[in-house]
């Protein structure tokens, strides 16, 4: 259930309880009327909390998105750095392999 739907239901229940309090007052039932008024206040409070919660959720979601975007940017920067380091390491390994191959070729040609 979404918060908007929950808020609408809480408002409707508050209105119904206010009407119920009116009928209880007309019937000269003060305890019954008091119960309806109490329920109306509880549902009105719930409706305001749901409204405040919705705005807090949007701000919270925006903050989470901003945090995740920053984390993704950091990860991309680290990945780019590691990619550069890997390319440099690959060049060094190729250079070392060429040097070792040249050294083997010289030892094969030299003593014979």
Protein backbone atom coordinates (compact mmCIF):
# COMPACT_ATOMS: atom_id res chain seq x y z
CA UNK A 1 0.00 0.00 0.00
CA UNK A 2 1.44 3.35 -0.95
CA UNK A 3 1.66 6.22 1.48
CA UNK A 4 -0.68 8.33 -0.62
CA UNK A 5 -3.36 5.64 -0.47
CA UNK A 6 -2.80 5.15 3.25
CA UNK A 7 -3.09 8.90 3.83
CA UNK A 8 -6.36 9.04 1.88
CA UNK A 9 -7.77 6.12 3.86
CA UNK A 10 -6.75 7.77 7.17
CA UNK A 11 -8.46 11.02 6.12
CA UNK A 12 -11.63 9.15 5.11
CA UNK A 13 -11.70 7.27 8.42
CA UNK A 14 -11.22 10.52 10.30
CA UNK A 15 -14.16 12.11 8.46
CA UNK A 16 -16.35 9.03 9.08
CA UNK A 17 -15.52 9.14 12.80
CA UNK A 18 -16.38 12.85 12.98
CA UNK A 19 -19.75 12.04 11.42
CA UNK A 20 -20.15 9.16 13.87
CA UNK A 21 -19.40 11.55 16.75
CA UNK A 22 -22.14 13.86 15.46
CA UNK A 23 -24.69 11.04 15.45
CA UNK A 24 -23.57 9.90 18.93
CA UNK A 25 -23.96 13.45 20.26
CA UNK A 26 -27.42 13.65 18.69
CA UNK A 27 -28.30 10.37 20.44
CA UNK A 28 -27.09 11.73 23.78
CA UNK A 29 -24.27 9.18 24.08
CA UNK A 30 -21.24 11.13 25.34
CA UNK A 31 -18.92 8.13 25.76
CA UNK A 32 -19.72 6.92 22.27
CA UNK A 33 -19.13 10.41 20.89
CA UNK A 34 -15.84 10.65 22.78
CA UNK A 35 -14.67 7.38 21.27
CA UNK A 36 -15.46 8.63 17.75
CA UNK A 37 -13.70 11.94 18.40
CA UNK A 38 -10.65 10.10 19.73
CA UNK A 39 -10.54 7.85 16.68
CA UNK A 40 -10.96 10.87 14.39
CA UNK A 41 -7.96 12.53 16.04
CA UNK A 42 -5.87 9.36 15.78
CA UNK A 43 -6.63 8.98 12.07
CA UNK A 44 -5.97 12.71 11.46
CA UNK A 45 -2.61 12.35 13.22
CA UNK A 46 -1.83 9.28 11.11
CA UNK A 47 -2.69 11.19 7.93
CA UNK A 48 -0.31 14.02 8.85
CA UNK A 49 2.44 11.53 9.72
CA UNK A 50 2.00 9.78 6.39
CA UNK A 51 2.23 13.13 4.59
CA UNK A 52 5.41 14.05 6.47
CA UNK A 53 6.79 10.57 5.87
CA UNK A 54 6.25 10.92 2.14
CA UNK A 55 8.27 14.12 1.95
CA UNK A 56 10.99 12.61 4.15
CA UNK A 57 11.08 9.52 1.96
CA UNK A 58 11.61 11.63 -1.16
CA UNK A 59 14.45 13.51 0.52
CA UNK A 60 15.88 10.25 1.82
CA UNK A 61 15.68 8.62 -1.60
CA UNK A 62 17.34 11.64 -3.19
CA UNK A 63 20.16 11.43 -0.63
CA UNK A 64 20.57 7.70 -1.30
CA UNK A 65 20.70 8.32 -5.05
CA UNK A 66 23.31 11.05 -4.56
CA UNK A 67 25.39 8.76 -2.34
CA UNK A 68 25.16 5.92 -4.85
CA UNK A 69 26.09 8.25 -7.72
CA UNK A 70 29.17 9.39 -5.80
CA UNK A 71 30.10 5.77 -5.05
CA UNK A 72 29.73 4.87 -8.74
CA UNK A 73 31.94 7.80 -9.75
CA UNK A 74 34.58 6.71 -7.23
CA UNK A 75 34.42 3.14 -8.52
CA UNK A 76 34.78 4.36 -12.11
CA UNK A 77 37.81 6.46 -11.19
CA UNK A 78 39.43 3.50 -9.39
CA UNK A 79 38.66 1.22 -12.34
CA UNK A 80 40.22 3.69 -14.78
CA UNK A 81 43.33 3.92 -12.60
CA UNK A 82 43.58 0.13 -12.34
CA UNK A 83 43.13 -0.19 -16.10
CA UNK A 84 46.04 2.20 -16.65
CA UNK A 85 48.18 0.32 -14.13
CA UNK A 86 47.31 -2.99 -15.80
CA UNK A 87 48.31 -1.63 -19.22
CA UNK A 88 51.64 -0.44 -17.79
CA UNK A 89 52.22 -3.81 -16.14
CA UNK A 90 51.42 -5.57 -19.41
CA UNK A 91 54.03 -3.43 -21.21
CA UNK A 92 56.64 -4.26 -18.56
CA UNK A 93 55.94 -7.99 -18.81
CA UNK A 94 56.24 -7.80 -22.61
CA UNK A 95 59.53 -5.92 -22.25
CA UNK A 96 60.84 -8.48 -19.75
CA UNK A 97 59.82 -11.35 -22.06
CA UNK A 98 61.65 -9.71 -24.98
CA UNK A 99 64.76 -9.21 -22.86
CA UNK A 100 64.69 -12.83 -21.69
CA UNK A 101 64.19 -14.04 -25.26
CA UNK A 102 67.15 -11.94 -26.44
CA UNK A 103 69.30 -13.28 -23.60
CA UNK A 104 68.38 -16.89 -24.56
CA UNK A 105 69.16 -16.18 -28.20
CA UNK A 106 72.58 -14.74 -27.27
CA UNK A 107 73.45 -17.75 -25.13
CA UNK A 108 72.45 -20.09 -27.97
CA UNK A 109 74.57 -18.16 -30.49
CA UNK A 110 77.55 -17.38 -28.22
CA UNK A 111 79.14 -20.66 -27.00
CA UNK A 112 78.67 -22.61 -30.22
